Amino acid sequence: MSDPLIIGGRSLTSRLFIGTGKYSRNTLIPEVVESSGSQVITVALRRVDPGSNDNIISHIPSSMTLLPNTSGARTAEEAVRIARLAKASGLGNWVKIEVINDQKYLLPDNAETIRATEILASEGFVVLPYMSPDLSAALRMKEAGAAAVMPLGSPIGTNRGLRTRELLRILIAEVDLPVIVDAGIGRPSEAAEAMELGAAAVLLNTAIATAHNPLLMASAFRDAVAAGRKAYLAGLGPVEETASASSPLTGFLG
């Protein structure tokens, strides 16, 4: 089945994006990449240390599309500065905008995110903004030049699943951009559900990195995302309030 995801002129066959945080050792990263089948991986610039003997970038396969994120930014200006540094460091022109002021729930600041998106998109970046799922904000991000929008399923790192399900459904229906569900997904079944809703992809990190067997969990998410996408393309059957027999209740017995 040919069903590529096109972002920033790049064709992707995998709709599972992964992260690089919380692993017990960086040497797990290439193994997780292989098990997940992912082609896009996000990394915080503040974790990139070219002078280190264990530079995290050295563990990421060269075939991967790097998605540097602006983790730690509290304003649009800080996010723009981090994105420019990432590009100047040779990490490419894709960027995941994260602007967060709330330190308890780590919810994105949509207004500052829109500002950063507009600046960086005008400079030729492929901008994927992490956002709280709000339709007006998503539409403004599209107008600002976002290549996709990345609404949260629930607060980052919580593994609580799709607590914003109805808001995600609205964004998927109304925003003419890929909608990538980012943050909070804890189970493969939740990733499948996001894809069944019509999400273009999912991005997750904690659910894999904190699993007892990260490689097996990465494989499980790979299968779940593929299954959810197939279900969406197939068209889910209608949900009914009353029973409807699968086979005739009358016939030869009558």
C-alpha atoms as a PDB file:
ATOM      1  CA  MET A   1       0.000   0.000   0.000  1.00  0.00           C
ATOM      2  CA  SER A   2       1.505   3.291  -1.129  1.00  0.00           C
ATOM      3  CA  ASP A   3       0.474   5.886   1.416  1.00  0.00           C
ATOM      4  CA  PRO A   4       3.360   8.319   1.975  1.00  0.00           C
ATOM      5  CA  LEU A   5       3.232  11.241   4.399  1.00  0.00           C
ATOM      6  CA  ILE A   6       4.585  14.360   2.713  1.00  0.00           C
ATOM      7  CA  ILE A   7       6.056  17.062   4.962  1.00  0.00           C
ATOM      8  CA  GLY A   8       8.374  19.810   3.823  1.00  0.00           C
ATOM      9  CA  GLY A   9       8.752  18.159   0.434  1.00  0.00           C
ATOM     10  CA  ARG A  10       9.972  14.945   2.078  1.00  0.00           C
ATOM     11  CA  SER A  11       8.145  11.631   1.565  1.00  0.00           C
ATOM     12  CA  LEU A  12       7.874   9.402   4.638  1.00  0.00           C
ATOM     13  CA  THR A  13       6.623   5.836   4.707  1.00  0.00           C
ATOM     14  CA  SER A  14       6.555   5.620   8.524  1.00  0.00           C
ATOM     15  CA  ARG A  15       4.006   7.640  10.475  1.00  0.00           C
ATOM     16  CA  LEU A  16       5.654   7.018  13.835  1.00  0.00           C
ATOM     17  CA  PHE A  17       8.000   9.775  15.013  1.00  0.00           C
ATOM     18  CA  ILE A  18      10.176   9.063  18.044  1.00  0.00           C
ATOM     19  CA  GLY A  19      12.313  10.917  20.576  1.00  0.00           C
ATOM     20  CA  THR A  20      15.718  10.508  22.196  1.00  0.00           C
ATOM     21  CA  GLY A  21      15.078  11.251  25.873  1.00  0.00           C
ATOM     22  CA  LYS A  22      14.877   9.087  28.993  1.00  0.00           C
ATOM     23  CA  TYR A  23      16.736   6.053  27.639  1.00  0.00           C
ATOM     24  CA  SER A  24      18.968   4.217  30.103  1.00  0.00           C
ATOM     25  CA  ARG A  25      21.793   4.500  27.564  1.00  0.00           C
ATOM     26  CA  ASN A  26      22.214   6.347  24.275  1.00  0.00           C
ATOM     27  CA  THR A  27      23.347   3.167  22.550  1.00  0.00           C
ATOM     28  CA  LEU A  28      19.711   1.997  22.680  1.00  0.00           C
ATOM     29  CA  ILE A  29      18.681   4.701  20.221  1.00  0.00           C
ATOM     30  CA  PRO A  30      19.748   2.992  16.967  1.00  0.00           C
ATOM     31  CA  GLU A  31      18.131  -0.242  18.149  1.00  0.00           C
ATOM     32  CA  VAL A  32      14.877   1.571  18.894  1.00  0.00           C
ATOM     33  CA  VAL A  33      15.037   3.247  15.477  1.00  0.00           C
ATOM     34  CA  GLU A  34      15.299  -0.153  13.826  1.00  0.00           C
ATOM     35  CA  SER A  35      12.505  -1.708  15.901  1.00  0.00           C
ATOM     36  CA  SER A  36      10.151   1.226  15.410  1.00  0.00           C
ATOM     37  CA  GLY A  37      10.734   1.688  11.688  1.00  0.00           C
ATOM     38  CA  SER A  38      10.634   5.425  12.341  1.00  0.00           C
ATOM     39  CA  GLN A  39      12.205   7.882   9.906  1.00  0.00           C
ATOM     40  CA  VAL A  40      11.921  11.068  12.025  1.00  0.00           C
ATOM     41  CA  ILE A  41      13.547  11.577  15.414  1.00  0.00           C
ATOM     42  CA  THR A  42      13.441  14.621  17.655  1.00  0.00           C
ATOM     43  CA  VAL A  43      16.315  15.793  19.843  1.00  0.00           C
ATOM     44  CA  ALA A  44      16.700  18.780  22.147  1.00  0.00           C
ATOM     45  CA  LEU A  45      19.550  21.046  21.073  1.00  0.00           C
ATOM     46  CA  ARG A  46      20.598  21.462  24.705  1.00  0.00           C
ATOM     47  CA  ARG A  47      21.427  17.732  24.747  1.00  0.00           C
ATOM     48  CA  VAL A  48      23.743  18.031  21.735  1.00  0.00           C
ATOM     49  CA  ASP A  49      27.386  18.355  22.842  1.00  0.00           C
ATOM     50  CA  PRO A  50      29.818  18.071  19.903  1.00  0.00           C
ATOM     51  CA  GLY A  51      32.742  17.878  22.330  1.00  0.00           C
ATOM     52  CA  SER A  52      31.359  14.924  24.254  1.00  0.00           C
ATOM     53  CA  ASN A  53      32.583  11.365  23.789  1.00  0.00           C
ATOM     54  CA  ASP A  54      28.939  10.315  23.987  1.00  0.00           C
ATOM     55  CA  ASN A  55      27.356  12.963  21.758  1.00  0.00           C
ATOM     56  CA  ILE A  56      23.748  11.886  21.252  1.00  0.00           C
ATOM     57  CA  ILE A  57      23.838  12.765  17.530  1.00  0.00           C
ATOM     58  CA  SER A  58      26.483  10.076  16.985  1.00  0.00           C
ATOM     59  CA  HIS A  59      23.907   7.454  18.009  1.00  0.00           C
ATOM     60  CA  ILE A  60      21.257   8.543  15.494  1.00  0.00           C
ATOM     61  CA  PRO A  61      21.417   6.707  12.146  1.00  0.00           C
ATOM     62  CA  SER A  62      22.279   9.026   9.253  1.00  0.00           C
ATOM     63  CA  SER A  63      19.169   7.886   7.388  1.00  0.00           C
ATOM     64  CA  MET A  64      16.916   9.580   9.963  1.00  0.00           C
ATOM     65  CA  THR A  65      15.339  12.985   9.457  1.00  0.00           C
ATOM     66  CA  LEU A  66      16.425  15.073  12.431  1.00  0.00           C
ATOM     67  CA  LEU A  67      13.762  17.162  14.127  1.00  0.00           C
ATOM     68  CA  PRO A  68      15.616  19.425  16.591  1.00  0.00           C
ATOM     69  CA  ASN A  69      13.284  20.845  19.217  1.00  0.00           C
ATOM     70  CA  THR A  70      13.437  24.094  21.130  1.00  0.00           C
ATOM     71  CA  SER A  71      12.942  22.514  24.547  1.00  0.00           C
ATOM     72  CA  GLY A  72      13.685  25.047  27.271  1.00  0.00           C
ATOM     73  CA  ALA A  73      12.433  28.069  25.320  1.00  0.00           C
ATOM     74  CA  ARG A  74      10.012  30.341  27.177  1.00  0.00           C
ATOM     75  CA  THR A  75       9.532  32.976  24.490  1.00  0.00           C
ATOM     76  CA  ALA A  76       9.344  33.096  20.720  1.00  0.00           C
ATOM     77  CA  GLU A  77      12.716  34.832  20.619  1.00  0.00           C
ATOM     78  CA  GLU A  78      14.383  32.040  22.584  1.00  0.00           C
ATOM     79  CA  ALA A  79      12.832  29.391  20.317  1.00  0.00           C
ATOM     80  CA  VAL A  80      14.020  31.225  17.200  1.00  0.00           C
ATOM     81  CA  ARG A  81      17.547  31.496  18.592  1.00  0.00           C
ATOM     82  CA  ILE A  82      17.660  27.762  19.399  1.00  0.00           C
ATOM     83  CA  ALA A  83      16.357  26.854  15.924  1.00  0.00           C
ATOM     84  CA  ARG A  84      18.978  29.010  14.239  1.00  0.00           C
ATOM     85  CA  LEU A  85      21.712  27.438  16.369  1.00  0.00           C
ATOM     86  CA  ALA A  86      20.504  23.960  15.427  1.00  0.00           C
ATOM     87  CA  LYS A  87      20.630  24.787  11.734  1.00  0.00           C
ATOM     88  CA  ALA A  88      24.059  26.401  12.065  1.00  0.00           C
ATOM     89  CA  SER A  89      25.258  23.244  13.865  1.00  0.00           C
ATOM     90  CA  GLY A  90      24.380  21.151  10.828  1.00  0.00           C
ATOM     91  CA  LEU A  91      21.157  19.637  12.168  1.00  0.00           C
ATOM     92  CA  GLY A  92      19.086  20.672   9.167  1.00  0.00           C
ATOM     93  CA  ASN A  93      16.158  23.018   8.682  1.00  0.00           C
ATOM     94  CA  TRP A  94      13.383  20.998  10.313  1.00  0.00           C
ATOM     95  CA  VAL A  95      12.394  22.247  13.756  1.00  0.00           C
ATOM     96  CA  LYS A  96       9.831  21.348  16.384  1.00  0.00           C
ATOM     97  CA  ILE A  97       8.818  24.531  18.167  1.00  0.00           C
ATOM     98  CA  GLU A  98       8.334  24.139  21.908  1.00  0.00           C
ATOM     99  CA  VAL A  99       7.603  27.292  23.888  1.00  0.00           C
ATOM    100  CA  ILE A 100       6.601  26.468  27.449  1.00  0.00           C
ATOM    101  CA  ASN A 101       6.181  28.766  30.449  1.00  0.00           C
ATOM    102  CA  ASP A 102       4.065  26.461  32.621  1.00  0.00           C
ATOM    103  CA  GLN A 103       6.470  24.291  34.592  1.00  0.00           C
ATOM    104  CA  LYS A 104       3.849  22.097  36.290  1.00  0.00           C
ATOM    105  CA  TYR A 105       1.902  20.693  33.339  1.00  0.00           C
ATOM    106  CA  LEU A 106       4.354  21.771  30.595  1.00  0.00           C
ATOM    107  CA  LEU A 107       1.537  23.073  28.402  1.00  0.00           C
ATOM    108  CA  PRO A 108       2.632  24.977  25.276  1.00  0.00           C
ATOM    109  CA  ASP A 109       2.206  28.742  24.956  1.00  0.00           C
ATOM    110  CA  ASN A 110       0.260  28.917  21.695  1.00  0.00           C
ATOM    111  CA  ALA A 111       0.629  32.687  21.215  1.00  0.00           C
ATOM    112  CA  GLU A 112       4.438  32.611  21.482  1.00  0.00           C
ATOM    113  CA  THR A 113       4.513  29.474  19.339  1.00  0.00           C
ATOM    114  CA  ILE A 114       2.626  31.262  16.547  1.00  0.00           C
ATOM    115  CA  ARG A 115       5.153  34.121  16.656  1.00  0.00           C
ATOM    116  CA  ALA A 116       8.116  31.748  16.453  1.00  0.00           C
ATOM    117  CA  THR A 117       6.476  29.796  13.623  1.00  0.00           C
ATOM    118  CA  GLU A 118       5.997  32.924  11.529  1.00  0.00           C
ATOM    119  CA  ILE A 119       9.610  34.041  11.946  1.00  0.00           C
ATOM    120  CA  LEU A 120      11.184  30.661  11.230  1.00  0.00           C
ATOM    121  CA  ALA A 121       8.892  29.739   8.332  1.00  0.00           C
ATOM    122  CA  SER A 122       9.821  33.039   6.665  1.00  0.00           C
ATOM    123  CA  GLU A 123      13.482  31.959   6.966  1.00  0.00           C
ATOM    124  CA  GLY A 124      12.873  28.670   5.182  1.00  0.00           C
ATOM    125  CA  PHE A 125      12.557  26.336   8.149  1.00  0.00           C
ATOM    126  CA  VAL A 126      10.179  23.366   8.025  1.00  0.00           C
ATOM    127  CA  VAL A 127       8.279  24.243  11.195  1.00  0.00           C
ATOM    128  CA  LEU A 128       6.304  21.708  13.232  1.00  0.00           C
ATOM    129  CA  PRO A 129       4.830  23.520  16.249  1.00  0.00           C
ATOM    130  CA  TYR A 130       3.944  21.644  19.431  1.00  0.00           C
ATOM    131  CA  MET A 131       0.666  23.112  20.634  1.00  0.00           C
ATOM    132  CA  SER A 132      -2.311  22.902  22.933  1.00  0.00           C
ATOM    133  CA  PRO A 133      -5.190  21.677  20.731  1.00  0.00           C
ATOM    134  CA  ASP A 134      -7.074  24.863  19.908  1.00  0.00           C
ATOM    135  CA  LEU A 135      -8.626  25.357  16.466  1.00  0.00           C
ATOM    136  CA  SER A 136      -8.045  29.109  16.233  1.00  0.00           C
ATOM    137  CA  ALA A 137      -4.386  28.719  17.187  1.00  0.00           C
ATOM    138  CA  ALA A 138      -3.897  25.861  14.726  1.00  0.00           C
ATOM    139  CA  LEU A 139      -5.344  27.932  11.887  1.00  0.00           C
ATOM    140  CA  ARG A 140      -3.062  30.830  12.804  1.00  0.00           C
ATOM    141  CA  MET A 141      -0.082  28.479  12.776  1.00  0.00           C
ATOM    142  CA  LYS A 142      -1.061  27.374   9.294  1.00  0.00           C
ATOM    143  CA  GLU A 143      -1.273  31.016   8.180  1.00  0.00           C
ATOM    144  CA  ALA A 144       2.148  31.593   9.763  1.00  0.00           C
ATOM    145  CA  GLY A 145       3.652  28.886   7.557  1.00  0.00           C
ATOM    146  CA  ALA A 146       3.646  25.730   9.679  1.00  0.00           C
ATOM    147  CA  ALA A 147       4.285  22.510   7.736  1.00  0.00           C
ATOM    148  CA  ALA A 148       2.167  20.554  10.249  1.00  0.00           C
ATOM    149  CA  VAL A 149       0.649  21.061  13.696  1.00  0.00           C
ATOM    150  CA  MET A 150       1.465  18.883  16.678  1.00  0.00           C
ATOM    151  CA  PRO A 151      -1.296  19.010  19.324  1.00  0.00           C
ATOM    152  CA  LEU A 152      -0.834  17.162  22.602  1.00  0.00           C
ATOM    153  CA  GLY A 153      -2.867  14.107  23.512  1.00  0.00           C
ATOM    154  CA  SER A 154      -2.255  14.768  27.212  1.00  0.00           C
ATOM    155  CA  PRO A 155       0.527  16.494  29.166  1.00  0.00           C
ATOM    156  CA  ILE A 156       3.992  15.489  28.016  1.00  0.00           C
ATOM    157  CA  GLY A 157       5.562  12.482  29.702  1.00  0.00           C
ATOM    158  CA  THR A 158       2.373  11.371  31.463  1.00  0.00           C
ATOM    159  CA  ASN A 159       1.410   8.311  29.358  1.00  0.00           C
ATOM    160  CA  ARG A 160      -2.231   9.291  30.012  1.00  0.00           C
ATOM    161  CA  GLY A 161      -3.398   8.840  26.451  1.00  0.00           C
ATOM    162  CA  LEU A 162      -5.828  10.856  24.338  1.00  0.00           C
ATOM    163  CA  ARG A 163      -7.407  13.106  26.975  1.00  0.00           C
ATOM    164  CA  THR A 164      -7.935  15.771  24.259  1.00  0.00           C
ATOM    165  CA  ARG A 165      -9.685  13.373  21.862  1.00  0.00           C
ATOM    166  CA  GLU A 166     -12.590  15.621  20.841  1.00  0.00           C
ATOM    167  CA  LEU A 167     -10.329  18.625  20.295  1.00  0.00           C
ATOM    168  CA  LEU A 168      -8.000  16.487  18.189  1.00  0.00           C
ATOM    169  CA  ARG A 169     -10.975  15.353  16.116  1.00  0.00           C
ATOM    170  CA  ILE A 170     -11.884  18.982  15.407  1.00  0.00           C
ATOM    171  CA  LEU A 171      -8.343  19.890  14.354  1.00  0.00           C
ATOM    172  CA  ILE A 172      -8.103  16.879  12.065  1.00  0.00           C
ATOM    173  CA  ALA A 173     -11.397  17.819  10.414  1.00  0.00           C
ATOM    174  CA  GLU A 174     -10.794  21.552  10.060  1.00  0.00           C
ATOM    175  CA  VAL A 175      -7.051  22.183   9.622  1.00  0.00           C
ATOM    176  CA  ASP A 176      -5.711  21.533   6.131  1.00  0.00           C
ATOM    177  CA  LEU A 177      -2.305  20.414   7.379  1.00  0.00           C
ATOM    178  CA  PRO A 178      -0.934  17.131   8.711  1.00  0.00           C
ATOM    179  CA  VAL A 179      -1.989  16.795  12.351  1.00  0.00           C
ATOM    180  CA  ILE A 180       0.640  14.896  14.338  1.00  0.00           C
ATOM    181  CA  VAL A 181      -0.464  13.880  17.825  1.00  0.00           C
ATOM    182  CA  ASP A 182       2.452  14.627  20.119  1.00  0.00           C
ATOM    183  CA  ALA A 183       2.802  13.916  23.841  1.00  0.00           C
ATOM    184  CA  GLY A 184       0.929  11.794  26.338  1.00  0.00           C
ATOM    185  CA  ILE A 185       0.372   8.625  24.335  1.00  0.00           C
ATOM    186  CA  GLY A 186       1.266   5.709  26.603  1.00  0.00           C
ATOM    187  CA  ARG A 187      -0.101   2.586  24.912  1.00  0.00           C
ATOM    188  CA  PRO A 188       0.018   1.228  21.371  1.00  0.00           C
ATOM    189  CA  SER A 189      -3.793   1.064  21.416  1.00  0.00           C
ATOM    190  CA  GLU A 190      -3.869   4.849  21.961  1.00  0.00           C
ATOM    191  CA  ALA A 191      -1.539   5.404  19.022  1.00  0.00           C
ATOM    192  CA  ALA A 192      -3.832   3.244  16.892  1.00  0.00           C
ATOM    193  CA  GLU A 193      -6.837   5.271  18.063  1.00  0.00           C
ATOM    194  CA  ALA A 194      -5.136   8.543  17.128  1.00  0.00           C
ATOM    195  CA  MET A 195      -4.492   7.187  13.651  1.00  0.00           C
ATOM    196  CA  GLU A 196      -8.076   5.916  13.373  1.00  0.00           C
ATOM    197  CA  LEU A 197      -9.240   9.480  14.094  1.00  0.00           C
ATOM    198  CA  GLY A 198      -7.281  10.594  11.026  1.00  0.00           C
ATOM    199  CA  ALA A 199      -4.054  11.875  12.544  1.00  0.00           C
ATOM    200  CA  ALA A 200      -1.265  12.008   9.990  1.00  0.00           C
ATOM    201  CA  ALA A 201       1.274  10.620  12.465  1.00  0.00           C
ATOM    202  CA  VAL A 202       2.096  10.332  16.159  1.00  0.00           C
ATOM    203  CA  LEU A 203       5.230  11.366  18.036  1.00  0.00           C
ATOM    204  CA  LEU A 204       6.103   9.640  21.279  1.00  0.00           C
ATOM    205  CA  ASN A 205       9.089   9.071  23.503  1.00  0.00           C
ATOM    206  CA  THR A 206       8.285   8.259  27.132  1.00  0.00           C
ATOM    207  CA  ALA A 207       6.069   5.263  26.355  1.00  0.00           C
ATOM    208  CA  ILE A 208       8.948   3.516  24.598  1.00  0.00           C
ATOM    209  CA  ALA A 209      11.853   4.760  26.708  1.00  0.00           C
ATOM    210  CA  THR A 210      10.263   3.825  30.044  1.00  0.00           C
ATOM    211  CA  ALA A 211       8.918   0.425  28.973  1.00  0.00           C
ATOM    212  CA  HIS A 212      10.492  -2.674  30.551  1.00  0.00           C
ATOM    213  CA  ASN A 213      11.467  -3.752  27.033  1.00  0.00           C
ATOM    214  CA  PRO A 214      11.872  -0.608  24.892  1.00  0.00           C
ATOM    215  CA  LEU A 215      12.695  -2.521  21.706  1.00  0.00           C
ATOM    216  CA  LEU A 216       9.609  -4.702  21.899  1.00  0.00           C
ATOM    217  CA  MET A 217       7.488  -1.659  22.761  1.00  0.00           C
ATOM    218  CA  ALA A 218       8.892   0.232  19.771  1.00  0.00           C
ATOM    219  CA  SER A 219       7.873  -2.659  17.548  1.00  0.00           C
ATOM    220  CA  ALA A 220       4.402  -2.697  19.122  1.00  0.00           C
ATOM    221  CA  PHE A 221       3.938   1.002  18.388  1.00  0.00           C
ATOM    222  CA  ARG A 222       5.144   0.453  14.829  1.00  0.00           C
ATOM    223  CA  ASP A 223       2.420  -2.134  14.273  1.00  0.00           C
ATOM    224  CA  ALA A 224      -0.246  -0.096  16.065  1.00  0.00           C
ATOM    225  CA  VAL A 225       0.353   3.039  14.007  1.00  0.00           C
ATOM    226  CA  ALA A 226       0.244   1.039  10.782  1.00  0.00           C
ATOM    227  CA  ALA A 227      -2.968  -0.736  11.862  1.00  0.00           C
ATOM    228  CA  GLY A 228      -4.660   2.514  12.882  1.00  0.00           C
ATOM    229  CA  ARG A 229      -3.792   4.137   9.567  1.00  0.00           C
ATOM    230  CA  LYS A 230      -5.169   1.164   7.620  1.00  0.00           C
ATOM    231  CA  ALA A 231      -8.381   1.298   9.648  1.00  0.00           C
ATOM    232  CA  TYR A 232      -8.777   5.008   8.895  1.00  0.00           C
ATOM    233  CA  LEU A 233      -8.235   4.465   5.182  1.00  0.00           C
ATOM    234  CA  ALA A 234     -10.631   1.517   5.172  1.00  0.00           C
ATOM    235  CA  GLY A 235     -13.380   3.611   6.747  1.00  0.00           C
ATOM    236  CA  LEU A 236     -14.685   2.592  10.142  1.00  0.00           C
ATOM    237  CA  GLY A 237     -18.203   1.200  10.273  1.00  0.00           C
ATOM    238  CA  PRO A 238     -21.027   3.217  11.847  1.00  0.00           C
ATOM    239  CA  VAL A 239     -21.638   3.114  15.583  1.00  0.00           C
ATOM    240  CA  GLU A 240     -25.230   2.136  16.412  1.00  0.00           C
ATOM    241  CA  GLU A 241     -27.303   2.452  19.586  1.00  0.00           C
ATOM    242  CA  THR A 242     -29.172  -0.834  19.089  1.00  0.00           C
ATOM    243  CA  ALA A 243     -28.118  -4.319  17.997  1.00  0.00           C
ATOM    244  CA  SER A 244     -27.959  -5.266  14.334  1.00  0.00           C
ATOM    245  CA  ALA A 245     -27.629  -8.966  13.489  1.00  0.00           C
ATOM    246  CA  SER A 246     -24.675  -9.962  11.338  1.00  0.00           C
ATOM    247  CA  SER A 247     -26.680 -12.850   9.863  1.00  0.00           C
ATOM    248  CA  PRO A 248     -30.396 -13.077   8.904  1.00  0.00           C
ATOM    249  CA  LEU A 249     -32.698 -14.005  11.788  1.00  0.00           C
ATOM    250  CA  THR A 250     -35.174 -15.641   9.403  1.00  0.00           C
ATOM    251  CA  GLY A 251     -34.635 -18.071   6.587  1.00  0.00           C
ATOM    252  CA  PHE A 252     -34.673 -21.825   6.335  1.00  0.00           C
ATOM    253  CA  LEU A 253     -35.854 -22.247   9.928  1.00  0.00           C
ATOM    254  CA  GLY A 254     -38.988 -20.299   9.031  1.00  0.00           C
END
